[in-house]
Full PDB file with SEQRES, HELIX, SHEET, SSBOND, CRYST1, ORIGX, SCALE, CONECT and MASTER records, all heavy atoms in Angstrom:
SEQRES   1 A   35  ASN LEU ARG GLU GLN VAL ALA SER GLY ALA PHE ARG ALA          
SEQRES   2 A   35  ASP LEU TYR HIS ARG LEU SER VAL TYR PRO VAL PRO ILE          
SEQRES   3 A   35  PRO PRO LEU ARG GLU ARG GLY ASN ASP                          
HELIX    1 AA1 LEU A    2  SER A    8  1                                   7    
HELIX    2 AA2 ALA A   13  LEU A   19  1                                   7    
HELIX    3 AA3 LEU A   29  GLU A   31  5                                   3    
CRYST1    1.000    1.000    1.000  90.00  90.00  90.00 P 1           1          
ORIGX1      1.000000  0.000000  0.000000        0.00000                         
ORIGX2      0.000000  1.000000  0.000000        0.00000                         
ORIGX3      0.000000  0.000000  1.000000        0.00000                         
SCALE1      1.000000  0.000000  0.000000        0.00000                         
SCALE2      0.000000  1.000000  0.000000        0.00000                         
SCALE3      0.000000  0.000000  1.000000        0.00000                         
ATOM      1  N   ASN A   1      -1.876  -1.479  -5.552  1.00  0.00           N  
ATOM      2  CA  ASN A   1      -1.130  -0.226  -5.453  1.00  0.00           C  
ATOM      3  C   ASN A   1      -2.144   0.907  -5.364  1.00  0.00           C  
ATOM      4  O   ASN A   1      -2.698   1.354  -6.372  1.00  0.00           O  
ATOM      5  CB  ASN A   1      -0.227  -0.055  -6.675  1.00  0.00           C  
ATOM      6  CG  ASN A   1       0.720   1.135  -6.527  1.00  0.00           C  
ATOM      7  OD1 ASN A   1       0.356   2.163  -5.974  1.00  0.00           O  
ATOM      8  ND2 ASN A   1       1.930   0.989  -7.041  1.00  0.00           N  
ATOM      9  N   LEU A   2      -2.427   1.348  -4.137  1.00  0.00           N  
ATOM     10  CA  LEU A   2      -3.465   2.358  -3.940  1.00  0.00           C  
ATOM     11  C   LEU A   2      -3.091   3.698  -4.574  1.00  0.00           C  
ATOM     12  O   LEU A   2      -3.970   4.463  -4.974  1.00  0.00           O  
ATOM     13  CB  LEU A   2      -3.746   2.542  -2.451  1.00  0.00           C  
ATOM     14  CG  LEU A   2      -4.464   1.383  -1.747  1.00  0.00           C  
ATOM     15  CD1 LEU A   2      -4.849   1.777  -0.324  1.00  0.00           C  
ATOM     16  CD2 LEU A   2      -5.707   0.947  -2.518  1.00  0.00           C  
ATOM     17  N   ARG A   3      -1.805   3.983  -4.673  1.00  0.00           N  
ATOM     18  CA  ARG A   3      -1.396   5.233  -5.326  1.00  0.00           C  
ATOM     19  C   ARG A   3      -1.810   5.233  -6.791  1.00  0.00           C  
ATOM     20  O   ARG A   3      -2.265   6.251  -7.321  1.00  0.00           O  
ATOM     21  CB  ARG A   3       0.114   5.424  -5.196  1.00  0.00           C  
ATOM     22  CG  ARG A   3       0.565   5.779  -3.790  1.00  0.00           C  
ATOM     23  CD  ARG A   3       2.035   6.145  -3.763  1.00  0.00           C  
ATOM     24  NE  ARG A   3       2.463   6.550  -2.433  1.00  0.00           N  
ATOM     25  CZ  ARG A   3       3.681   6.968  -2.140  1.00  0.00           C  
ATOM     26  NH1 ARG A   3       4.601   7.028  -3.109  1.00  0.00           N  
ATOM     27  NH2 ARG A   3       3.988   7.327  -0.911  1.00  0.00           N  
ATOM     28  N   GLU A   4      -1.650   4.086  -7.440  1.00  0.00           N  
ATOM     29  CA  GLU A   4      -2.081   3.994  -8.830  1.00  0.00           C  
ATOM     30  C   GLU A   4      -3.593   4.113  -8.929  1.00  0.00           C  
ATOM     31  O   GLU A   4      -4.123   4.730  -9.862  1.00  0.00           O  
ATOM     32  CB  GLU A   4      -1.609   2.670  -9.431  1.00  0.00           C  
ATOM     33  CG  GLU A   4      -0.102   2.585  -9.637  1.00  0.00           C  
ATOM     34  CD  GLU A   4       0.309   1.281 -10.292  1.00  0.00           C  
ATOM     35  OE1 GLU A   4      -0.590   0.435 -10.554  1.00  0.00           O  
ATOM     36  OE2 GLU A   4       1.520   1.096 -10.539  1.00  0.00           O  
ATOM     37  N   GLN A   5      -4.310   3.528  -7.964  1.00  0.00           N  
ATOM     38  CA  GLN A   5      -5.758   3.651  -7.971  1.00  0.00           C  
ATOM     39  C   GLN A   5      -6.204   5.093  -7.738  1.00  0.00           C  
ATOM     40  O   GLN A   5      -7.197   5.543  -8.301  1.00  0.00           O  
ATOM     41  CB  GLN A   5      -6.380   2.729  -6.909  1.00  0.00           C  
ATOM     42  CG  GLN A   5      -6.342   1.256  -7.278  1.00  0.00           C  
ATOM     43  CD  GLN A   5      -7.196   0.424  -6.335  1.00  0.00           C  
ATOM     44  OE1 GLN A   5      -6.699  -0.148  -5.386  1.00  0.00           O  
ATOM     45  NE2 GLN A   5      -8.488   0.370  -6.613  1.00  0.00           N  
ATOM     46  N   VAL A   6      -5.465   5.805  -6.896  1.00  0.00           N  
ATOM     47  CA  VAL A   6      -5.763   7.229  -6.694  1.00  0.00           C  
ATOM     48  C   VAL A   6      -5.566   7.988  -7.997  1.00  0.00           C  
ATOM     49  O   VAL A   6      -6.385   8.827  -8.401  1.00  0.00           O  
ATOM     50  CB  VAL A   6      -4.867   7.811  -5.577  1.00  0.00           C  
ATOM     51  CG1 VAL A   6      -4.957   9.336  -5.551  1.00  0.00           C  
ATOM     52  CG2 VAL A   6      -5.268   7.244  -4.222  1.00  0.00           C  
ATOM     53  N   ALA A   7      -4.462   7.693  -8.686  1.00  0.00           N  
ATOM     54  CA  ALA A   7      -4.171   8.377  -9.946  1.00  0.00           C  
ATOM     55  C   ALA A   7      -5.230   8.096 -11.004  1.00  0.00           C  
ATOM     56  O   ALA A   7      -5.564   8.963 -11.816  1.00  0.00           O  
ATOM     57  CB  ALA A   7      -2.788   7.967 -10.453  1.00  0.00           C  
ATOM     58  N   SER A   8      -5.792   6.869 -10.979  1.00  0.00           N  
ATOM     59  CA  SER A   8      -6.802   6.510 -11.980  1.00  0.00           C  
ATOM     60  C   SER A   8      -8.208   6.932 -11.569  1.00  0.00           C  
ATOM     61  O   SER A   8      -9.155   6.763 -12.342  1.00  0.00           O  
ATOM     62  CB  SER A   8      -6.779   4.995 -12.218  1.00  0.00           C  
ATOM     63  OG  SER A   8      -7.223   4.302 -11.059  1.00  0.00           O  
ATOM     64  N   GLY A   9      -8.362   7.444 -10.338  1.00  0.00           N  
ATOM     65  CA  GLY A   9      -9.669   7.876  -9.866  1.00  0.00           C  
ATOM     66  C   GLY A   9     -10.487   6.777  -9.232  1.00  0.00           C  
ATOM     67  O   GLY A   9     -11.646   6.990  -8.869  1.00  0.00           O  
ATOM     68  N   ALA A  10      -9.911   5.593  -9.058  1.00  0.00           N  
ATOM     69  CA  ALA A  10     -10.650   4.480  -8.470  1.00  0.00           C  
ATOM     70  C   ALA A  10     -10.635   4.507  -6.949  1.00  0.00           C  
ATOM     71  O   ALA A  10     -11.391   3.778  -6.302  1.00  0.00           O  
ATOM     72  CB  ALA A  10     -10.075   3.149  -8.963  1.00  0.00           C  
ATOM     73  N   PHE A  11      -9.761   5.333  -6.366  1.00  0.00           N  
ATOM     74  CA  PHE A  11      -9.679   5.425  -4.909  1.00  0.00           C  
ATOM     75  C   PHE A  11      -9.455   6.880  -4.527  1.00  0.00           C  
ATOM     76  O   PHE A  11      -8.679   7.590  -5.161  1.00  0.00           O  
ATOM     77  CB  PHE A  11      -8.528   4.561  -4.372  1.00  0.00           C  
ATOM     78  CG  PHE A  11      -8.673   4.179  -2.929  1.00  0.00           C  
ATOM     79  CD1 PHE A  11      -9.433   3.087  -2.564  1.00  0.00           C  
ATOM     80  CD2 PHE A  11      -8.049   4.923  -1.925  1.00  0.00           C  
ATOM     81  CE1 PHE A  11      -9.571   2.723  -1.232  1.00  0.00           C  
ATOM     82  CE2 PHE A  11      -8.189   4.581  -0.592  1.00  0.00           C  
ATOM     83  CZ  PHE A  11      -8.949   3.474  -0.239  1.00  0.00           C  
ATOM     84  N   ARG A  12     -10.144   7.333  -3.496  1.00  0.00           N  
ATOM     85  CA  ARG A  12     -10.069   8.727  -3.067  1.00  0.00           C  
ATOM     86  C   ARG A  12      -8.697   9.034  -2.476  1.00  0.00           C  
ATOM     87  O   ARG A  12      -8.194   8.307  -1.612  1.00  0.00           O  
ATOM     88  CB  ARG A  12     -11.140   9.025  -2.026  1.00  0.00           C  
ATOM     89  CG  ARG A  12     -12.569   8.975  -2.543  1.00  0.00           C  
ATOM     90  CD  ARG A  12     -13.529   9.293  -1.412  1.00  0.00           C  
ATOM     91  NE  ARG A  12     -13.321  10.636  -0.900  1.00  0.00           N  
ATOM     92  CZ  ARG A  12     -14.121  11.664  -1.147  1.00  0.00           C  
ATOM     93  NH1 ARG A  12     -15.208  11.504  -1.910  1.00  0.00           N  
ATOM     94  NH2 ARG A  12     -13.867  12.851  -0.637  1.00  0.00           N  
ATOM     95  N   ALA A  13      -8.096  10.139  -2.911  1.00  0.00           N  
ATOM     96  CA  ALA A  13      -6.777  10.525  -2.414  1.00  0.00           C  
ATOM     97  C   ALA A  13      -6.832  10.859  -0.927  1.00  0.00           C  
ATOM     98  O   ALA A  13      -5.924  10.490  -0.158  1.00  0.00           O  
ATOM     99  CB  ALA A  13      -6.247  11.721  -3.207  1.00  0.00           C  
ATOM    100  N   ASP A  14      -7.911  11.576  -0.495  1.00  0.00           N  
ATOM    101  CA  ASP A  14      -7.984  11.957   0.917  1.00  0.00           C  
ATOM    102  C   ASP A  14      -8.153  10.740   1.818  1.00  0.00           C  
ATOM    103  O   ASP A  14      -7.593  10.679   2.918  1.00  0.00           O  
ATOM    104  CB  ASP A  14      -9.107  12.973   1.159  1.00  0.00           C  
ATOM    105  CG  ASP A  14     -10.399  12.614   0.431  1.00  0.00           C  
ATOM    106  OD1 ASP A  14     -10.484  11.506  -0.128  1.00  0.00           O  
ATOM    107  OD2 ASP A  14     -11.317  13.468   0.406  1.00  0.00           O  
ATOM    108  N   LEU A  15      -8.889   9.730   1.364  1.00  0.00           N  
ATOM    109  CA  LEU A  15      -9.029   8.515   2.159  1.00  0.00           C  
ATOM    110  C   LEU A  15      -7.714   7.742   2.192  1.00  0.00           C  
ATOM    111  O   LEU A  15      -7.338   7.194   3.237  1.00  0.00           O  
ATOM    112  CB  LEU A  15     -10.141   7.633   1.584  1.00  0.00           C  
ATOM    113  CG  LEU A  15     -10.354   6.285   2.296  1.00  0.00           C  
ATOM    114  CD1 LEU A  15     -10.685   6.488   3.765  1.00  0.00           C  
ATOM    115  CD2 LEU A  15     -11.444   5.473   1.599  1.00  0.00           C  
ATOM    116  N   TYR A  16      -7.018   7.714   1.075  1.00  0.00           N  
ATOM    117  CA  TYR A  16      -5.718   7.033   1.036  1.00  0.00           C  
ATOM    118  C   TYR A  16      -4.772   7.628   2.071  1.00  0.00           C  
ATOM    119  O   TYR A  16      -4.106   6.903   2.827  1.00  0.00           O  
ATOM    120  CB  TYR A  16      -5.108   7.128  -0.356  1.00  0.00           C  
ATOM    121  CG  TYR A  16      -3.649   6.738  -0.404  1.00  0.00           C  
ATOM    122  CD1 TYR A  16      -3.260   5.414  -0.229  1.00  0.00           C  
ATOM    123  CD2 TYR A  16      -2.659   7.696  -0.598  1.00  0.00           C  
ATOM    124  CE1 TYR A  16      -1.919   5.059  -0.246  1.00  0.00           C  
ATOM    125  CE2 TYR A  16      -1.327   7.353  -0.628  1.00  0.00           C  
ATOM    126  CZ  TYR A  16      -0.956   6.024  -0.448  1.00  0.00           C  
ATOM    127  OH  TYR A  16       0.367   5.675  -0.462  1.00  0.00           O  
ATOM    128  N   HIS A  17      -4.705   8.962   2.120  1.00  0.00           N  
ATOM    129  CA  HIS A  17      -3.803   9.604   3.070  1.00  0.00           C  
ATOM    130  C   HIS A  17      -4.252   9.365   4.511  1.00  0.00           C  
ATOM    131  O   HIS A  17      -3.418   9.244   5.419  1.00  0.00           O  
ATOM    132  CB  HIS A  17      -3.709  11.096   2.779  1.00  0.00           C  
ATOM    133  CG  HIS A  17      -3.047  11.401   1.470  1.00  0.00           C  
ATOM    134  ND1 HIS A  17      -1.767  10.995   1.179  1.00  0.00           N  
ATOM    135  CD2 HIS A  17      -3.493  12.059   0.369  1.00  0.00           C  
ATOM    136  CE1 HIS A  17      -1.439  11.392  -0.053  1.00  0.00           C  
ATOM    137  NE2 HIS A  17      -2.472  12.041  -0.561  1.00  0.00           N  
ATOM    138  N   ARG A  18      -5.565   9.287   4.735  1.00  0.00           N  
ATOM    139  CA  ARG A  18      -6.065   9.044   6.083  1.00  0.00           C  
ATOM    140  C   ARG A  18      -5.757   7.612   6.538  1.00  0.00           C  
ATOM    141  O   ARG A  18      -5.398   7.373   7.684  1.00  0.00           O  
ATOM    142  CB  ARG A  18      -7.577   9.297   6.112  1.00  0.00           C  
ATOM    143  CG  ARG A  18      -8.242   9.042   7.433  1.00  0.00           C  
ATOM    144  CD  ARG A  18      -7.848  10.030   8.505  1.00  0.00           C  
ATOM    145  NE  ARG A  18      -8.261  11.390   8.211  1.00  0.00           N  
ATOM    146  CZ  ARG A  18      -8.204  12.388   9.091  1.00  0.00           C  
ATOM    147  NH1 ARG A  18      -7.759  12.160  10.303  1.00  0.00           N  
ATOM    148  NH2 ARG A  18      -8.575  13.619   8.745  1.00  0.00           N  
ATOM    149  N   LEU A  19      -5.896   6.636   5.636  1.00  0.00           N  
ATOM    150  CA  LEU A  19      -5.637   5.238   5.983  1.00  0.00           C  
ATOM    151  C   LEU A  19      -4.153   4.930   6.125  1.00  0.00           C  
ATOM    152  O   LEU A  19      -3.754   4.071   6.911  1.00  0.00           O  
ATOM    153  CB  LEU A  19      -6.240   4.308   4.925  1.00  0.00           C  
ATOM    154  CG  LEU A  19      -7.756   4.176   4.883  1.00  0.00           C  
ATOM    155  CD1 LEU A  19      -8.174   3.355   3.671  1.00  0.00           C  
ATOM    156  CD2 LEU A  19      -8.282   3.526   6.158  1.00  0.00           C  
ATOM    157  N   SER A  20      -3.334   5.612   5.341  1.00  0.00           N  
ATOM    158  CA  SER A  20      -1.904   5.279   5.291  1.00  0.00           C  
ATOM    159  C   SER A  20      -1.081   6.176   6.200  1.00  0.00           C  
ATOM    160  O   SER A  20       0.066   6.493   5.889  1.00  0.00           O  
ATOM    161  CB  SER A  20      -1.389   5.369   3.854  1.00  0.00           C  
ATOM    162  OG  SER A  20      -1.543   6.683   3.351  1.00  0.00           O  
ATOM    163  N   VAL A  21      -1.663   6.574   7.339  1.00  0.00           N  
ATOM    164  CA  VAL A  21      -0.881   7.336   8.318  1.00  0.00           C  
ATOM    165  C   VAL A  21       0.362   6.544   8.695  1.00  0.00           C  
ATOM    166  O   VAL A  21       1.451   7.087   8.839  1.00  0.00           O  
ATOM    167  CB  VAL A  21      -1.735   7.640   9.570  1.00  0.00           C  
ATOM    168  CG1 VAL A  21      -0.877   8.245  10.680  1.00  0.00           C  
ATOM    169  CG2 VAL A  21      -2.883   8.574   9.211  1.00  0.00           C  
ATOM    170  N   TYR A  22       0.211   5.229   8.844  1.00  0.00           N  
ATOM    171  CA  TYR A  22       1.357   4.384   9.133  1.00  0.00           C  
ATOM    172  C   TYR A  22       1.309   3.154   8.226  1.00  0.00           C  
ATOM    173  O   TYR A  22       0.729   2.123   8.583  1.00  0.00           O  
ATOM    174  CB  TYR A  22       1.389   3.947  10.601  1.00  0.00           C  
ATOM    175  CG  TYR A  22       2.766   3.501  11.042  1.00  0.00           C  
ATOM    176  CD1 TYR A  22       3.616   4.359  11.718  1.00  0.00           C  
ATOM    177  CD2 TYR A  22       3.234   2.227  10.739  1.00  0.00           C  
ATOM    178  CE1 TYR A  22       4.887   3.962  12.090  1.00  0.00           C  
ATOM    179  CE2 TYR A  22       4.499   1.818  11.096  1.00  0.00           C  
ATOM    180  CZ  TYR A  22       5.319   2.698  11.783  1.00  0.00           C  
ATOM    181  OH  TYR A  22       6.592   2.310  12.139  1.00  0.00           O  
ATOM    182  N   PRO A  23       1.922   3.241   7.044  1.00  0.00           N  
ATOM    183  CA  PRO A  23       1.947   2.070   6.150  1.00  0.00           C  
ATOM    184  C   PRO A  23       2.990   1.058   6.613  1.00  0.00           C  
ATOM    185  O   PRO A  23       4.089   1.419   7.029  1.00  0.00           O  
ATOM    186  CB  PRO A  23       2.324   2.673   4.797  1.00  0.00           C  
ATOM    187  CG  PRO A  23       3.081   3.917   5.134  1.00  0.00           C  
ATOM    188  CD  PRO A  23       2.545   4.421   6.439  1.00  0.00           C  
ATOM    189  N   VAL A  24       2.634  -0.233   6.549  1.00  0.00           N  
ATOM    190  CA  VAL A  24       3.546  -1.300   6.971  1.00  0.00           C  
ATOM    191  C   VAL A  24       3.669  -2.313   5.838  1.00  0.00           C  
ATOM    192  O   VAL A  24       2.759  -3.118   5.606  1.00  0.00           O  
ATOM    193  CB  VAL A  24       3.029  -2.006   8.236  1.00  0.00           C  
ATOM    194  CG1 VAL A  24       3.965  -3.152   8.622  1.00  0.00           C  
ATOM    195  CG2 VAL A  24       2.909  -1.023   9.390  1.00  0.00           C  
ATOM    196  N   PRO A  25       4.780  -2.287   5.096  1.00  0.00           N  
ATOM    197  CA  PRO A  25       4.980  -3.310   4.049  1.00  0.00           C  
ATOM    198  C   PRO A  25       5.331  -4.655   4.687  1.00  0.00           C  
ATOM    199  O   PRO A  25       6.183  -4.734   5.569  1.00  0.00           O  
ATOM    200  CB  PRO A  25       6.167  -2.760   3.239  1.00  0.00           C  
ATOM    201  CG  PRO A  25       6.388  -1.354   3.722  1.00  0.00           C  
ATOM    202  CD  PRO A  25       5.862  -1.292   5.110  1.00  0.00           C  
ATOM    203  N   ILE A  26       4.665  -5.720   4.233  1.00  0.00           N  
ATOM    204  CA  ILE A  26       4.941  -7.072   4.726  1.00  0.00           C  
ATOM    205  C   ILE A  26       5.802  -7.778   3.684  1.00  0.00           C  
ATOM    206  O   ILE A  26       5.407  -7.878   2.517  1.00  0.00           O  
ATOM    207  CB  ILE A  26       3.637  -7.843   4.964  1.00  0.00           C  
ATOM    208  CG1 ILE A  26       2.811  -7.119   6.039  1.00  0.00           C  
ATOM    209  CG2 ILE A  26       3.922  -9.277   5.397  1.00  0.00           C  
ATOM    210  CD1 ILE A  26       1.450  -7.722   6.258  1.00  0.00           C  
ATOM    211  N   PRO A  27       6.982  -8.263   4.062  1.00  0.00           N  
ATOM    212  CA  PRO A  27       7.885  -8.856   3.060  1.00  0.00           C  
ATOM    213  C   PRO A  27       7.314 -10.125   2.469  1.00  0.00           C  
ATOM    214  O   PRO A  27       6.706 -10.938   3.188  1.00  0.00           O  
ATOM    215  CB  PRO A  27       9.163  -9.132   3.866  1.00  0.00           C  
ATOM    216  CG  PRO A  27       8.708  -9.255   5.277  1.00  0.00           C  
ATOM    217  CD  PRO A  27       7.553  -8.302   5.418  1.00  0.00           C  
ATOM    218  N   PRO A  28       7.489 -10.337   1.174  1.00  0.00           N  
ATOM    219  CA  PRO A  28       7.061 -11.608   0.564  1.00  0.00           C  
ATOM    220  C   PRO A  28       7.938 -12.744   1.048  1.00  0.00           C  
ATOM    221  O   PRO A  28       9.055 -12.528   1.545  1.00  0.00           O  
ATOM    222  CB  PRO A  28       7.239 -11.351  -0.937  1.00  0.00           C  
ATOM    223  CG  PRO A  28       8.285 -10.282  -1.020  1.00  0.00           C  
ATOM    224  CD  PRO A  28       8.109  -9.422   0.193  1.00  0.00           C  
ATOM    225  N   LEU A  29       7.461 -13.953   0.889  1.00  0.00           N  
ATOM    226  CA  LEU A  29       8.169 -15.129   1.390  1.00  0.00           C  
ATOM    227  C   LEU A  29       9.548 -15.271   0.753  1.00  0.00           C  
ATOM    228  O   LEU A  29      10.500 -15.715   1.410  1.00  0.00           O  
ATOM    229  CB  LEU A  29       7.322 -16.381   1.141  1.00  0.00           C  
ATOM    230  CG  LEU A  29       7.863 -17.706   1.690  1.00  0.00           C  
ATOM    231  CD1 LEU A  29       8.147 -17.607   3.180  1.00  0.00           C  
ATOM    232  CD2 LEU A  29       6.891 -18.833   1.401  1.00  0.00           C  
ATOM    233  N   ARG A  30       9.690 -14.887  -0.506  1.00  0.00           N  
ATOM    234  CA  ARG A  30      10.980 -15.055  -1.188  1.00  0.00           C  
ATOM    235  C   ARG A  30      12.076 -14.175  -0.586  1.00  0.00           C  
ATOM    236  O   ARG A  30      13.263 -14.376  -0.855  1.00  0.00           O  
ATOM    237  CB  ARG A  30      10.834 -14.754  -2.678  1.00  0.00           C  
ATOM    238  CG  ARG A  30      10.377 -13.350  -2.988  1.00  0.00           C  
ATOM    239  CD  ARG A  30      10.192 -13.131  -4.479  1.00  0.00           C  
ATOM    240  NE  ARG A  30       9.520 -11.876  -4.754  1.00  0.00           N  
ATOM    241  CZ  ARG A  30       8.206 -11.704  -4.747  1.00  0.00           C  
ATOM    242  NH1 ARG A  30       7.413 -12.747  -4.493  1.00  0.00           N  
ATOM    243  NH2 ARG A  30       7.669 -10.532  -4.997  1.00  0.00           N  
ATOM    244  N   GLU A  31      11.699 -13.186   0.243  1.00  0.00           N  
ATOM    245  CA  GLU A  31      12.681 -12.310   0.890  1.00  0.00           C  
ATOM    246  C   GLU A  31      12.941 -12.709   2.336  1.00  0.00           C  
ATOM    247  O   GLU A  31      13.612 -11.986   3.065  1.00  0.00           O  
ATOM    248  CB  GLU A  31      12.193 -10.857   0.837  1.00  0.00           C  
ATOM    249  CG  GLU A  31      12.098 -10.292  -0.567  1.00  0.00           C  
ATOM    250  CD  GLU A  31      11.575  -8.863  -0.588  1.00  0.00           C  
ATOM    251  OE1 GLU A  31      11.383  -8.276   0.514  1.00  0.00           O  
ATOM    252  OE2 GLU A  31      11.357  -8.320  -1.679  1.00  0.00           O  
ATOM    253  N   ARG A  32      12.425 -13.875   2.745  1.00  0.00           N  
ATOM    254  CA  ARG A  32      12.547 -14.277   4.149  1.00  0.00           C  
ATOM    255  C   ARG A  32      13.486 -15.457   4.360  1.00  0.00           C  
ATOM    256  O   ARG A  32      13.493 -16.064   5.425  1.00  0.00           O  
ATOM    257  CB  ARG A  32      11.157 -14.591   4.716  1.00  0.00           C  
ATOM    258  CG  ARG A  32      10.295 -13.358   4.879  1.00  0.00           C  
ATOM    259  CD  ARG A  32       8.890 -13.693   5.349  1.00  0.00           C  
ATOM    260  NE  ARG A  32       8.874 -14.525   6.545  1.00  0.00           N  
ATOM    261  CZ  ARG A  32       7.758 -14.969   7.115  1.00  0.00           C  
ATOM    262  NH1 ARG A  32       6.578 -14.667   6.594  1.00  0.00           N  
ATOM    263  NH2 ARG A  32       7.823 -15.712   8.205  1.00  0.00           N  
ATOM    264  N   GLY A  33      14.314 -15.774   3.353  1.00  0.00           N  
ATOM    265  CA  GLY A  33      15.369 -16.767   3.524  1.00  0.00           C  
ATOM    266  C   GLY A  33      14.884 -18.115   4.017  1.00  0.00           C  
ATOM    267  O   GLY A  33      13.949 -18.712   3.469  1.00  0.00           O  
ATOM    268  N   ASN A  34      15.502 -18.594   5.104  1.00  0.00           N  
ATOM    269  CA  ASN A  34      15.203 -19.929   5.630  1.00  0.00           C  
ATOM    270  C   ASN A  34      13.844 -20.031   6.296  1.00  0.00           C  
ATOM    271  O   ASN A  34      13.450 -21.133   6.722  1.00  0.00           O  
ATOM    272  CB  ASN A  34      16.287 -20.358   6.630  1.00  0.00           C  
ATOM    273  CG  ASN A  34      17.503 -20.961   5.935  1.00  0.00           C  
ATOM    274  OD1 ASN A  34      17.376 -21.573   4.872  1.00  0.00           O  
ATOM    275  ND2 ASN A  34      18.661 -20.759   6.508  1.00  0.00           N  
ATOM    276  N   ASP A  35      13.119 -18.928   6.398  1.00  0.00           N  
ATOM    277  CA  ASP A  35      11.766 -19.001   6.961  1.00  0.00           C  
ATOM    278  C   ASP A  35      10.889 -19.969   6.173  1.00  0.00           C  
ATOM    279  O   ASP A  35       9.953 -20.557   6.727  1.00  0.00           O  
ATOM    280  CB  ASP A  35      11.103 -17.617   6.978  1.00  0.00           C  
ATOM    281  CG  ASP A  35      11.606 -16.755   8.125  1.00  0.00           C  
ATOM    282  OD1 ASP A  35      12.454 -17.237   8.901  1.00  0.00           O  
ATOM    283  OD2 ASP A  35      11.149 -15.599   8.245  1.00  0.00           O  
TER     284      ASP A  35                                                      
MASTER        0    0    0    3    0    0    0    6  283    1    0    3          
END                                                                             
């Protein structure tokens, strides 16, 4: 969770915003049914 890392100072907020211009969550297997 990069937001938590930003809050704790372990990750730069400006870099987080630059990298997450387009965040894409990948669903876990348990949410993919018969897959």
